[in-house]
PDB file of N, CA and C in Angstrom:
ATOM      1  N   UNK A   1      -2.177  -9.146   1.691  1.00  0.00           N
ATOM      2  CA  UNK A   1      -2.393  -8.279   2.836  1.00  0.00           C
ATOM      3  C   UNK A   1      -2.557  -6.842   2.339  1.00  0.00           C
ATOM      4  N   UNK A   2      -3.567  -6.197   2.801  1.00  0.00           N
ATOM      5  CA  UNK A   2      -3.787  -4.809   2.422  1.00  0.00           C
ATOM      6  C   UNK A   2      -2.778  -3.917   3.125  1.00  0.00           C
ATOM      7  N   UNK A   3      -2.350  -2.900   2.418  1.00  0.00           N
ATOM      8  CA  UNK A   3      -1.342  -1.998   2.984  1.00  0.00           C
ATOM      9  C   UNK A   3      -1.832  -1.357   4.274  1.00  0.00           C
ATOM     10  N   UNK A   4      -3.104  -1.060   4.334  1.00  0.00           N
ATOM     11  CA  UNK A   4      -3.622  -0.388   5.531  1.00  0.00           C
ATOM     12  C   UNK A   4      -3.564  -1.285   6.764  1.00  0.00           C
ATOM     13  N   UNK A   5      -3.415  -2.597   6.554  1.00  0.00           N
ATOM     14  CA  UNK A   5      -3.325  -3.543   7.664  1.00  0.00           C
ATOM     15  C   UNK A   5      -1.890  -3.961   7.941  1.00  0.00           C
ATOM     16  N   UNK A   6      -0.950  -3.301   7.321  1.00  0.00           N
ATOM     17  CA  UNK A   6       0.445  -3.714   7.396  1.00  0.00           C
ATOM     18  C   UNK A   6       1.004  -3.500   8.793  1.00  0.00           C
ATOM     19  N   UNK A   7       1.443  -4.582   9.475  1.00  0.00           N
ATOM     20  CA  UNK A   7       1.906  -4.457  10.857  1.00  0.00           C
ATOM     21  C   UNK A   7       3.362  -4.024  10.995  1.00  0.00           C
ATOM     22  N   UNK A   8       4.153  -4.137   9.934  1.00  0.00           N
ATOM     23  CA  UNK A   8       5.586  -3.906  10.049  1.00  0.00           C
ATOM     24  C   UNK A   8       5.940  -2.426   9.973  1.00  0.00           C
ATOM     25  N   UNK A   9       5.272  -1.705   9.106  1.00  0.00           N
ATOM     26  CA  UNK A   9       5.601  -0.299   8.905  1.00  0.00           C
ATOM     27  C   UNK A   9       4.327   0.534   9.091  1.00  0.00           C
ATOM     28  N   UNK A  10       3.962   0.853  10.327  1.00  0.00           N
ATOM     29  CA  UNK A  10       2.692   1.548  10.567  1.00  0.00           C
ATOM     30  C   UNK A  10       2.620   2.928   9.920  1.00  0.00           C
ATOM     31  N   UNK A  11       3.746   3.631   9.821  1.00  0.00           N
ATOM     32  CA  UNK A  11       3.733   4.953   9.196  1.00  0.00           C
ATOM     33  C   UNK A  11       3.369   4.843   7.722  1.00  0.00           C
ATOM     34  N   UNK A  12       3.921   3.836   7.060  1.00  0.00           N
ATOM     35  CA  UNK A  12       3.603   3.609   5.655  1.00  0.00           C
ATOM     36  C   UNK A  12       2.134   3.249   5.500  1.00  0.00           C
ATOM     37  N   UNK A  13       1.640   2.408   6.370  1.00  0.00           N
ATOM     38  CA  UNK A  13       0.235   2.017   6.316  1.00  0.00           C
ATOM     39  C   UNK A  13      -0.677   3.229   6.480  1.00  0.00           C
ATOM     40  N   UNK A  14      -0.341   4.115   7.405  1.00  0.00           N
ATOM     41  CA  UNK A  14      -1.157   5.316   7.626  1.00  0.00           C
ATOM     42  C   UNK A  14      -1.128   6.224   6.403  1.00  0.00           C
ATOM     43  N   UNK A  15       0.049   6.374   5.794  1.00  0.00           N
ATOM     44  CA  UNK A  15       0.173   7.219   4.606  1.00  0.00           C
ATOM     45  C   UNK A  15      -0.633   6.651   3.444  1.00  0.00           C
ATOM     46  N   UNK A  16      -0.519   5.357   3.221  1.00  0.00           N
ATOM     47  CA  UNK A  16      -1.252   4.729   2.120  1.00  0.00           C
ATOM     48  C   UNK A  16      -2.757   4.828   2.350  1.00  0.00           C
ATOM     49  N   UNK A  17      -3.194   4.619   3.571  1.00  0.00           N
ATOM     50  CA  UNK A  17      -4.620   4.727   3.881  1.00  0.00           C
ATOM     51  C   UNK A  17      -5.125   6.141   3.615  1.00  0.00           C
ATOM     52  N   UNK A  18      -4.361   7.143   4.022  1.00  0.00           N
ATOM     53  CA  UNK A  18      -4.753   8.538   3.785  1.00  0.00           C
ATOM     54  C   UNK A  18      -4.819   8.841   2.290  1.00  0.00           C
ATOM     55  N   UNK A  19      -3.842   8.339   1.537  1.00  0.00           N
ATOM     56  CA  UNK A  19      -3.840   8.561   0.086  1.00  0.00           C
ATOM     57  C   UNK A  19      -5.047   7.902  -0.564  1.00  0.00           C
ATOM     58  N   UNK A  20      -5.363   6.684  -0.140  1.00  0.00           N
ATOM     59  CA  UNK A  20      -6.518   5.979  -0.707  1.00  0.00           C
ATOM     60  C   UNK A  20      -7.814   6.712  -0.395  1.00  0.00           C
ATOM     61  N   UNK A  21      -7.972   7.139   0.841  1.00  0.00           N
ATOM     62  CA  UNK A  21      -9.193   7.849   1.229  1.00  0.00           C
ATOM     63  C   UNK A  21      -9.348   9.135   0.432  1.00  0.00           C
ATOM     64  N   UNK A  22      -8.262   9.864   0.267  1.00  0.00           N
ATOM     65  CA  UNK A  22      -8.294  11.117  -0.485  1.00  0.00           C
ATOM     66  C   UNK A  22      -8.652  10.867  -1.948  1.00  0.00           C
ATOM     67  N   UNK A  23      -8.021   9.881  -2.549  1.00  0.00           N
ATOM     68  CA  UNK A  23      -8.283   9.570  -3.956  1.00  0.00           C
ATOM     69  C   UNK A  23      -9.707   9.087  -4.145  1.00  0.00           C
ATOM     70  N   UNK A  24     -10.166   8.229  -3.244  1.00  0.00           N
ATOM     71  CA  UNK A  24     -11.526   7.710  -3.335  1.00  0.00           C
ATOM     72  C   UNK A  24     -12.537   8.849  -3.228  1.00  0.00           C
ATOM     73  N   UNK A  25     -12.259   9.795  -2.337  1.00  0.00           N
ATOM     74  CA  UNK A  25     -13.140  10.944  -2.173  1.00  0.00           C
ATOM     75  C   UNK A  25     -13.211  11.764  -3.459  1.00  0.00           C
ATOM     76  N   UNK A  26     -12.059  11.978  -4.093  1.00  0.00           N
ATOM     77  CA  UNK A  26     -12.032  12.735  -5.347  1.00  0.00           C
ATOM     78  C   UNK A  26     -12.787  12.009  -6.452  1.00  0.00           C
ATOM     79  N   UNK A  27     -12.650  10.700  -6.519  1.00  0.00           N
ATOM     80  CA  UNK A  27     -13.351   9.919  -7.538  1.00  0.00           C
ATOM     81  C   UNK A  27     -14.854  10.041  -7.348  1.00  0.00           C
ATOM     82  N   UNK A  28     -15.303   9.944  -6.112  1.00  0.00           N
ATOM     83  CA  UNK A  28     -16.738  10.002  -5.847  1.00  0.00           C
ATOM     84  C   UNK A  28     -17.317  11.394  -6.055  1.00  0.00           C
ATOM     85  N   UNK A  29     -16.513  12.446  -5.870  1.00  0.00           N
ATOM     86  CA  UNK A  29     -16.991  13.816  -6.047  1.00  0.00           C
ATOM     87  C   UNK A  29     -17.092  14.211  -7.513  1.00  0.00           C
ATOM     88  N   UNK A  30     -16.355  13.540  -8.375  1.00  0.00           N
ATOM     89  CA  UNK A  30     -16.307  13.915  -9.784  1.00  0.00           C
ATOM     90  C   UNK A  30     -17.668  13.707 -10.431  1.00  0.00           C
ATOM     91  N   UNK A  31     -18.116  14.710 -11.154  1.00  0.00           N
ATOM     92  CA  UNK A  31     -19.395  14.603 -11.847  1.00  0.00           C
ATOM     93  C   UNK A  31     -19.168  14.493 -13.349  1.00  0.00           C
ATOM     94  N   UNK A  32     -18.076  13.870 -13.748  1.00  0.00           N
ATOM     95  CA  UNK A  32     -17.708  13.777 -15.157  1.00  0.00           C
ATOM     96  C   UNK A  32     -18.464  12.728 -15.945  1.00  0.00           C
ATOM     97  N   UNK A  33     -19.428  12.106 -15.366  1.00  0.00           N
ATOM     98  CA  UNK A  33     -20.195  11.088 -16.064  1.00  0.00           C
ATOM     99  C   UNK A  33     -19.721   9.692 -15.715  1.00  0.00           C
ATOM    100  N   UNK A  34     -20.525   8.717 -16.104  1.00  0.00           N
ATOM    101  CA  UNK A  34     -20.243   7.328 -15.742  1.00  0.00           C
ATOM    102  C   UNK A  34     -18.950   6.804 -16.352  1.00  0.00           C
ATOM    103  N   UNK A  35     -18.664   7.161 -17.597  1.00  0.00           N
ATOM    104  CA  UNK A  35     -17.452   6.660 -18.253  1.00  0.00           C
ATOM    105  C   UNK A  35     -16.202   7.180 -17.552  1.00  0.00           C
ATOM    106  N   UNK A  36     -16.212   8.455 -17.207  1.00  0.00           N
ATOM    107  CA  UNK A  36     -15.062   9.052 -16.516  1.00  0.00           C
ATOM    108  C   UNK A  36     -14.920   8.439 -15.131  1.00  0.00           C
ATOM    109  N   UNK A  37     -16.016   8.320 -14.429  1.00  0.00           N
ATOM    110  CA  UNK A  37     -15.989   7.750 -13.080  1.00  0.00           C
ATOM    111  C   UNK A  37     -15.503   6.297 -13.131  1.00  0.00           C
ATOM    112  N   UNK A  38     -15.977   5.540 -14.097  1.00  0.00           N
ATOM    113  CA  UNK A  38     -15.561   4.146 -14.235  1.00  0.00           C
ATOM    114  C   UNK A  38     -14.059   4.050 -14.499  1.00  0.00           C
ATOM    115  N   UNK A  39     -13.552   4.926 -15.342  1.00  0.00           N
ATOM    116  CA  UNK A  39     -12.110   4.940 -15.641  1.00  0.00           C
ATOM    117  C   UNK A  39     -11.309   5.277 -14.385  1.00  0.00           C
ATOM    118  N   UNK A  40     -11.771   6.257 -13.628  1.00  0.00           N
ATOM    119  CA  UNK A  40     -11.057   6.651 -12.413  1.00  0.00           C
ATOM    120  C   UNK A  40     -11.097   5.542 -11.360  1.00  0.00           C
ATOM    121  N   UNK A  41     -12.216   4.867 -11.248  1.00  0.00           N
ATOM    122  CA  UNK A  41     -12.313   3.757 -10.299  1.00  0.00           C
ATOM    123  C   UNK A  41     -11.346   2.648 -10.710  1.00  0.00           C
ATOM    124  N   UNK A  42     -11.240   2.390 -12.002  1.00  0.00           N
ATOM    125  CA  UNK A  42     -10.286   1.394 -12.490  1.00  0.00           C
ATOM    126  C   UNK A  42      -8.855   1.784 -12.170  1.00  0.00           C
ATOM    127  N   UNK A  43      -8.532   3.058 -12.351  1.00  0.00           N
ATOM    128  CA  UNK A  43      -7.189   3.537 -12.019  1.00  0.00           C
ATOM    129  C   UNK A  43      -6.929   3.435 -10.521  1.00  0.00           C
ATOM    130  N   UNK A  44      -7.933   3.737  -9.724  1.00  0.00           N
ATOM    131  CA  UNK A  44      -7.799   3.625  -8.271  1.00  0.00           C
ATOM    132  C   UNK A  44      -7.538   2.173  -7.871  1.00  0.00           C
ATOM    133  N   UNK A  45      -8.266   1.251  -8.466  1.00  0.00           N
ATOM    134  CA  UNK A  45      -8.041  -0.170  -8.176  1.00  0.00           C
ATOM    135  C   UNK A  45      -6.628  -0.592  -8.552  1.00  0.00           C
ATOM    136  N   UNK A  46      -6.148  -0.115  -9.697  1.00  0.00           N
ATOM    137  CA  UNK A  46      -4.776  -0.435 -10.115  1.00  0.00           C
ATOM    138  C   UNK A  46      -3.762   0.138  -9.139  1.00  0.00           C
ATOM    139  N   UNK A  47      -4.001   1.349  -8.678  1.00  0.00           N
ATOM    140  CA  UNK A  47      -3.085   1.981  -7.719  1.00  0.00           C
ATOM    141  C   UNK A  47      -3.054   1.204  -6.405  1.00  0.00           C
ATOM    142  N   UNK A  48      -4.200   0.735  -5.959  1.00  0.00           N
ATOM    143  CA  UNK A  48      -4.263  -0.040  -4.717  1.00  0.00           C
ATOM    144  C   UNK A  48      -3.498  -1.352  -4.872  1.00  0.00           C
ATOM    145  N   UNK A  49      -3.658  -2.020  -6.006  1.00  0.00           N
ATOM    146  CA  UNK A  49      -2.919  -3.264  -6.242  1.00  0.00           C
ATOM    147  C   UNK A  49      -1.414  -2.997  -6.262  1.00  0.00           C
ATOM    148  N   UNK A  50      -1.012  -1.885  -6.888  1.00  0.00           N
ATOM    149  CA  UNK A  50       0.406  -1.532  -6.933  1.00  0.00           C
ATOM    150  C   UNK A  50       0.938  -1.266  -5.526  1.00  0.00           C
ATOM    151  N   UNK A  51       0.193  -0.498  -4.739  1.00  0.00           N
ATOM    152  CA  UNK A  51       0.619  -0.202  -3.365  1.00  0.00           C
ATOM    153  C   UNK A  51       0.757  -1.483  -2.552  1.00  0.00           C
ATOM    154  N   UNK A  52      -0.191  -2.391  -2.703  1.00  0.00           N
ATOM    155  CA  UNK A  52      -0.118  -3.661  -1.979  1.00  0.00           C
ATOM    156  C   UNK A  52       1.113  -4.466  -2.398  1.00  0.00           C
ATOM    157  N   UNK A  53       1.440  -4.433  -3.688  1.00  0.00           N
ATOM    158  CA  UNK A  53       2.635  -5.140  -4.165  1.00  0.00           C
ATOM    159  C   UNK A  53       3.902  -4.522  -3.586  1.00  0.00           C
ATOM    160  N   UNK A  54       3.951  -3.190  -3.535  1.00  0.00           N
ATOM    161  CA  UNK A  54       5.118  -2.508  -2.963  1.00  0.00           C
ATOM    162  C   UNK A  54       5.271  -2.874  -1.491  1.00  0.00           C
ATOM    163  N   UNK A  55       4.184  -2.848  -0.757  1.00  0.00           N
ATOM    164  CA  UNK A  55       4.235  -3.197   0.663  1.00  0.00           C
ATOM    165  C   UNK A  55       4.684  -4.648   0.837  1.00  0.00           C
ATOM    166  N   UNK A  56       4.201  -5.531  -0.009  1.00  0.00           N
ATOM    167  CA  UNK A  56       4.615  -6.928   0.064  1.00  0.00           C
ATOM    168  C   UNK A  56       6.107  -7.088  -0.169  1.00  0.00           C
ATOM    169  N   UNK A  57       6.638  -6.380  -1.154  1.00  0.00           N
ATOM    170  CA  UNK A  57       8.074  -6.454  -1.438  1.00  0.00           C
ATOM    171  C   UNK A  57       8.886  -5.838  -0.304  1.00  0.00           C
ATOM    172  N   UNK A  58       8.397  -4.746   0.263  1.00  0.00           N
ATOM    173  CA  UNK A  58       9.097  -4.121   1.391  1.00  0.00           C
ATOM    174  C   UNK A  58       9.112  -5.061   2.592  1.00  0.00           C
ATOM    175  N   UNK A  59       8.014  -5.750   2.819  1.00  0.00           N
ATOM    176  CA  UNK A  59       7.942  -6.700   3.927  1.00  0.00           C
ATOM    177  C   UNK A  59       8.944  -7.831   3.726  1.00  0.00           C
ATOM    178  N   UNK A  60       8.993  -8.362   2.514  1.00  0.00           N
ATOM    179  CA  UNK A  60       9.936  -9.449   2.222  1.00  0.00           C
ATOM    180  C   UNK A  60      11.375  -8.981   2.413  1.00  0.00           C
ATOM    181  N   UNK A  61      11.675  -7.767   1.968  1.00  0.00           N
ATOM    182  CA  UNK A  61      13.023  -7.230   2.126  1.00  0.00           C
ATOM    183  C   UNK A  61      13.370  -7.041   3.598  1.00  0.00           C
ATOM    184  N   UNK A  62      12.430  -6.495   4.367  1.00  0.00           N
ATOM    185  CA  UNK A  62      12.687  -6.293   5.792  1.00  0.00           C
ATOM    186  C   UNK A  62      12.917  -7.630   6.493  1.00  0.00           C
ATOM    187  N   UNK A  63      12.118  -8.636   6.157  1.00  0.00           N
ATOM    188  CA  UNK A  63      12.289  -9.956   6.761  1.00  0.00           C
ATOM    189  C   UNK A  63      13.643 -10.555   6.389  1.00  0.00           C
ATOM    190  N   UNK A  64      14.049 -10.389   5.141  1.00  0.00           N
ATOM    191  CA  UNK A  64      15.345 -10.907   4.693  1.00  0.00           C
ATOM    192  C   UNK A  64      16.481 -10.220   5.445  1.00  0.00           C
ATOM    193  N   UNK A  65      16.405  -8.895   5.547  1.00  0.00           N
ATOM    194  CA  UNK A  65      17.450  -8.155   6.259  1.00  0.00           C
ATOM    195  C   UNK A  65      17.487  -8.531   7.737  1.00  0.00           C
ATOM    196  N   UNK A  66      16.322  -8.727   8.324  1.00  0.00           N
ATOM    197  CA  UNK A  66      16.256  -9.122   9.733  1.00  0.00           C
ATOM    198  C   UNK A  66      16.900 -10.492   9.937  1.00  0.00           C
ATOM    199  N   UNK A  67      16.619 -11.426   9.037  1.00  0.00           N
ATOM    200  CA  UNK A  67      17.236 -12.758   9.131  1.00  0.00           C
ATOM    201  C   UNK A  67      18.751 -12.666   8.999  1.00  0.00           C
ATOM    202  N   UNK A  68      19.225 -11.853   8.053  1.00  0.00           N
ATOM    203  CA  UNK A  68      20.669 -11.720   7.851  1.00  0.00           C
ATOM    204  C   UNK A  68      21.349 -11.122   9.075  1.00  0.00           C
ATOM    205  N   UNK A  69      20.730 -10.115   9.676  1.00  0.00           N
ATOM    206  CA  UNK A  69      21.301  -9.503  10.878  1.00  0.00           C
ATOM    207  C   UNK A  69      21.325 -10.518  12.010  1.00  0.00           C
ATOM    208  N   UNK A  70      20.247 -11.278  12.147  1.00  0.00           N
ATOM    209  CA  UNK A  70      20.172 -12.291  13.204  1.00  0.00           C
ATOM    210  C   UNK A  70      21.265 -13.344  13.031  1.00  0.00           C
ATOM    211  N   UNK A  71      21.525 -13.745  11.810  1.00  0.00           N
ATOM    212  CA  UNK A  71      22.562 -14.747  11.550  1.00  0.00           C
ATOM    213  C   UNK A  71      23.959 -14.215  11.849  1.00  0.00           C
ATOM    214  N   UNK A  72      24.160 -12.928  11.676  1.00  0.00           N
ATOM    215  CA  UNK A  72      25.483 -12.330  11.885  1.00  0.00           C
ATOM    216  C   UNK A  72      25.757 -11.964  13.335  1.00  0.00           C
ATOM    217  N   UNK A  73      24.714 -11.798  14.127  1.00  0.00           N
ATOM    218  CA  UNK A  73      24.900 -11.416  15.528  1.00  0.00           C
ATOM    219  C   UNK A  73      25.131 -12.664  16.368  1.00  0.00           C
ATOM    220  N   UNK A  74      26.281 -12.749  17.020  1.00  0.00           N
ATOM    221  CA  UNK A  74      26.537 -13.921  17.859  1.00  0.00           C
ATOM    222  C   UNK A  74      25.646 -13.915  19.103  1.00  0.00           C
ATOM    223  N   UNK A  75      25.184 -15.090  19.466  1.00  0.00           N
ATOM    224  CA  UNK A  75      24.398 -15.223  20.690  1.00  0.00           C
ATOM    225  C   UNK A  75      22.941 -14.870  20.545  1.00  0.00           C
ATOM    226  N   UNK A  76      22.480 -14.641  19.329  1.00  0.00           N
ATOM    227  CA  UNK A  76      21.064 -14.298  19.146  1.00  0.00           C
ATOM    228  C   UNK A  76      20.333 -15.466  18.564  1.00  0.00           C
TER     229      UNK A  76
END
């Protein structure tokens, strides 16, 4: 699941989307040549994969905590 589509934490999704758009804009504006641009695009792809992994782990943690709270609350 892409971070920008994350339904659990909309504020985080908005922040990640803004960061990606800003970074992508900077990469495209750079006139450092094809090698530099290619390296930056690779770094951007790595950053996006990392962000998606963080969001996935946060989602799993939130779900785990929600289950634990539900189990501890009587009558739920």
